[in-house]
Amino acid sequence: MRIIAGSARSLPLKTVPGMEVRPTTDRIKETLFNMLNPELPGCRFLDLFAGSGQMGLEAVSRGAEAAVFVENSRKAAACIEANIKFTKFTDRCTLLVKDAVSAIRWMNQKEKFDLVFMDPPYGKMLETEVLCALSESSLLEEEALIVVETALDTDLAQAEELGYQITKEKTYKTNKHIFLRFGTGDGGNR
């Protein structure tokens, strides 16, 4: 696992040992970030269920102003901290060792994000819980982009009731990315 492009290009990243975290493969990460490139310069990036932190670090390497990493596993958080130091992005990165919903509630009124990436454990319906918490918070800029990495059988059609619009789905062999915009059309329901 490595940073693919930008100022920290080719730097190797540590991974969390064991089966607790399933890192996004470099190939899928490269495909995703090629789609996200127009959104990255100057954005504030929120990496939920951050694992090793590779997604937020890739965003910062490619021009994001800052990244906040949320991870509730202490083992994974230690890995993220080591990767932030190794990439020398300590001045642009913040790590919160909390579960995603608690972190969203804790950050409310303190932060604003243009781009959110979440890769929750599959099959637990955490996607909907987190989308609900985000829609009830003031963390999202108008028309913020949210990318959910999830199992192939996950359906987020109910996200529209929370003020999101699904703009794209990119399917891979074993998972998919669902792209949502917040606050389009009806102005969101904050």
Protein backbone atom coordinates (compact mmCIF):
# COMPACT_ATOMS: atom_id res chain seq x y z
CA MET A 1 0.00 0.00 0.00
CA ARG A 2 1.34 3.40 -1.00
CA ILE A 3 0.47 6.98 -1.85
CA ILE A 4 -0.26 6.91 -5.59
CA ALA A 5 0.09 10.55 -6.65
CA GLY A 6 0.85 14.07 -5.49
CA SER A 7 3.44 15.49 -3.13
CA ALA A 8 3.92 12.21 -1.22
CA ARG A 9 3.83 10.00 -4.32
CA SER A 10 5.20 6.46 -3.91
CA LEU A 11 5.63 6.67 -0.14
CA PRO A 12 4.75 3.29 1.40
CA LEU A 13 2.12 3.23 4.13
CA LYS A 14 1.79 0.93 7.11
CA THR A 15 -1.26 -1.30 7.33
CA VAL A 16 -3.11 -2.61 10.33
CA PRO A 17 -2.08 -6.23 10.96
CA GLY A 18 -4.80 -8.87 10.99
CA MET A 19 -8.25 -9.03 9.43
CA GLU A 20 -9.75 -6.12 11.41
CA VAL A 21 -9.25 -3.66 8.51
CA ARG A 22 -9.67 -4.28 4.79
CA PRO A 23 -7.58 -1.70 2.92
CA THR A 24 -8.79 -0.41 -0.42
CA THR A 25 -6.53 -1.85 -3.12
CA ASP A 26 -4.19 0.51 -4.95
CA ARG A 27 -6.01 -0.15 -8.23
CA ILE A 28 -9.42 0.77 -6.82
CA LYS A 29 -7.94 3.74 -4.94
CA GLU A 30 -6.34 5.03 -8.15
CA THR A 31 -9.63 4.70 -10.06
CA LEU A 32 -11.51 6.52 -7.29
CA PHE A 33 -9.02 9.36 -6.96
CA ASN A 34 -8.89 9.88 -10.72
CA MET A 35 -12.65 10.57 -10.46
CA LEU A 36 -12.17 12.80 -7.38
CA ASN A 37 -9.25 14.89 -8.73
CA PRO A 38 -11.40 17.94 -9.66
CA GLU A 39 -12.82 18.02 -6.10
CA LEU A 40 -9.51 17.77 -4.20
CA PRO A 41 -7.60 21.07 -4.51
CA GLY A 42 -8.24 23.07 -1.34
CA CYS A 43 -10.97 20.77 -0.02
CA ARG A 44 -11.45 19.66 3.57
CA PHE A 45 -11.57 15.84 3.58
CA LEU A 46 -13.27 13.65 6.22
CA ASP A 47 -12.10 10.02 6.31
CA LEU A 48 -14.58 7.95 8.35
CA PHE A 49 -13.72 4.37 9.38
CA ALA A 50 -10.21 5.43 8.34
CA GLY A 51 -8.37 2.11 8.89
CA SER A 52 -4.77 2.91 7.92
CA GLY A 53 -5.61 6.46 6.85
CA GLN A 54 -4.61 5.84 3.24
CA MET A 55 -7.61 7.61 1.71
CA GLY A 56 -7.23 10.87 3.63
CA LEU A 57 -3.46 10.85 3.11
CA GLU A 58 -3.95 10.33 -0.63
CA ALA A 59 -6.34 13.31 -0.64
CA VAL A 60 -3.82 15.55 1.18
CA SER A 61 -1.03 14.40 -1.13
CA ARG A 62 -3.21 15.42 -4.10
CA GLY A 63 -3.99 18.90 -2.79
CA ALA A 64 -6.65 18.70 -0.09
CA GLU A 65 -6.20 21.54 2.40
CA ALA A 66 -6.73 19.24 5.39
CA ALA A 67 -7.99 15.82 6.41
CA VAL A 68 -9.69 14.56 9.55
CA PHE A 69 -9.42 10.83 10.23
CA VAL A 70 -12.01 9.06 12.38
CA GLU A 71 -11.21 5.57 13.63
CA ASN A 72 -12.38 3.84 16.82
CA SER A 73 -9.83 1.00 16.83
CA ARG A 74 -6.78 1.99 18.87
CA LYS A 75 -4.58 -0.37 16.81
CA ALA A 76 -5.74 1.25 13.56
CA ALA A 77 -5.44 4.75 15.05
CA ALA A 78 -1.79 4.05 15.94
CA CYS A 79 -1.22 3.01 12.32
CA ILE A 80 -2.85 6.23 11.05
CA GLU A 81 -0.73 8.32 13.41
CA ALA A 82 2.45 6.62 12.16
CA ASN A 83 1.41 7.16 8.52
CA ILE A 84 0.63 10.86 9.13
CA LYS A 85 4.08 11.37 10.67
CA PHE A 86 5.83 9.37 7.94
CA THR A 87 4.19 11.42 5.15
CA LYS A 88 5.03 14.65 7.05
CA PHE A 89 1.41 15.82 6.87
CA THR A 90 1.08 16.45 10.62
CA ASP A 91 0.15 20.12 10.11
CA ARG A 92 -2.75 19.22 7.79
CA CYS A 93 -4.13 16.08 9.47
CA THR A 94 -6.19 15.47 12.59
CA LEU A 95 -6.97 12.05 14.09
CA LEU A 96 -10.05 11.40 16.23
CA VAL A 97 -10.18 8.06 18.06
CA LYS A 98 -13.96 7.75 18.21
CA ASP A 99 -16.75 5.90 16.46
CA ALA A 100 -18.04 7.74 13.40
CA VAL A 101 -21.39 8.92 14.77
CA SER A 102 -19.84 10.18 18.04
CA ALA A 103 -17.14 12.00 16.07
CA ILE A 104 -19.74 13.67 13.83
CA ARG A 105 -21.68 14.86 16.88
CA TRP A 106 -18.46 16.01 18.61
CA MET A 107 -17.25 17.98 15.55
CA ASN A 108 -20.66 19.59 14.87
CA GLN A 109 -20.34 23.39 14.70
CA LYS A 110 -16.50 23.09 14.73
CA GLU A 111 -15.72 21.86 11.20
CA LYS A 112 -16.97 21.96 7.61
CA PHE A 113 -16.14 19.37 4.95
CA ASP A 114 -16.34 19.42 1.16
CA LEU A 115 -15.57 15.73 0.69
CA VAL A 116 -16.37 12.74 2.92
CA PHE A 117 -15.16 9.19 2.37
CA MET A 118 -16.49 6.30 4.43
CA ASP A 119 -15.68 2.62 4.32
CA PRO A 120 -17.63 1.06 7.20
CA PRO A 121 -17.67 -2.66 8.00
CA TYR A 122 -19.93 -4.39 5.51
CA GLY A 123 -23.33 -5.76 6.41
CA LYS A 124 -23.99 -3.68 9.53
CA MET A 125 -26.01 -0.85 7.89
CA LEU A 126 -23.65 1.74 9.36
CA GLU A 127 -23.79 3.67 6.08
CA THR A 128 -27.37 4.80 6.74
CA GLU A 129 -26.65 5.63 10.39
CA VAL A 130 -23.67 7.79 9.42
CA LEU A 131 -25.49 9.50 6.53
CA CYS A 132 -28.30 10.34 8.94
CA ALA A 133 -25.86 11.80 11.51
CA LEU A 134 -24.12 13.84 8.78
CA SER A 135 -27.42 15.21 7.45
CA GLU A 136 -28.43 16.30 10.96
CA SER A 137 -25.08 18.02 11.56
CA SER A 138 -23.66 21.23 10.18
CA LEU A 139 -20.45 19.51 9.00
CA LEU A 140 -21.23 19.39 5.28
CA GLU A 141 -20.67 22.27 2.92
CA GLU A 142 -23.53 22.84 0.50
CA GLU A 143 -23.27 20.21 -2.26
CA ALA A 144 -20.57 18.31 -0.37
CA LEU A 145 -19.56 15.04 -2.02
CA ILE A 146 -19.85 11.84 0.02
CA VAL A 147 -18.29 8.62 -1.26
CA VAL A 148 -19.36 5.36 0.38
CA GLU A 149 -17.29 2.22 -0.21
CA THR A 150 -19.61 -0.67 0.44
CA ALA A 151 -20.65 -4.22 -0.41
CA LEU A 152 -22.18 -4.89 -3.82
CA ASP A 153 -25.63 -5.59 -2.34
CA THR A 154 -25.87 -2.35 -0.33
CA ASP A 155 -28.80 -0.13 -1.31
CA LEU A 156 -28.73 3.51 -0.24
CA ALA A 157 -31.93 4.60 -2.00
CA GLN A 158 -33.27 5.96 1.32
CA ALA A 159 -30.43 8.52 1.32
CA GLU A 160 -32.61 10.86 -0.77
CA GLU A 161 -34.98 11.21 2.19
CA LEU A 162 -32.01 12.58 4.17
CA GLY A 163 -31.20 15.29 1.63
CA TYR A 164 -28.69 13.41 -0.55
CA GLN A 165 -28.75 12.74 -4.26
CA ILE A 166 -27.00 9.63 -5.59
CA THR A 167 -25.02 10.89 -8.57
CA LYS A 168 -23.02 7.80 -9.51
CA GLU A 169 -22.20 4.20 -8.62
CA LYS A 170 -18.91 2.59 -9.62
CA THR A 171 -18.97 -1.19 -9.30
CA TYR A 172 -15.89 -3.35 -8.89
CA LYS A 173 -15.49 -7.11 -8.60
CA THR A 174 -16.20 -7.34 -4.84
CA ASN A 175 -17.50 -3.91 -3.78
CA LYS A 176 -18.68 -0.54 -5.07
CA HIS A 177 -18.42 3.21 -4.54
CA ILE A 178 -21.64 5.19 -4.21
CA PHE A 179 -21.29 8.93 -4.85
CA LEU A 180 -23.77 11.25 -3.14
CA ARG A 181 -24.19 15.02 -3.14
CA PHE A 182 -25.62 16.70 -0.09
CA GLY A 183 -28.02 19.62 -0.23
CA THR A 184 -28.79 19.48 -3.93
CA GLY A 185 -32.28 20.28 -5.08
CA ASP A 186 -34.21 20.79 -1.85
CA GLY A 187 -31.34 22.50 -0.02
CA GLY A 188 -30.84 19.62 2.40
CA ASN A 189 -32.63 19.34 5.71
CA ARG A 190 -30.21 20.69 8.26
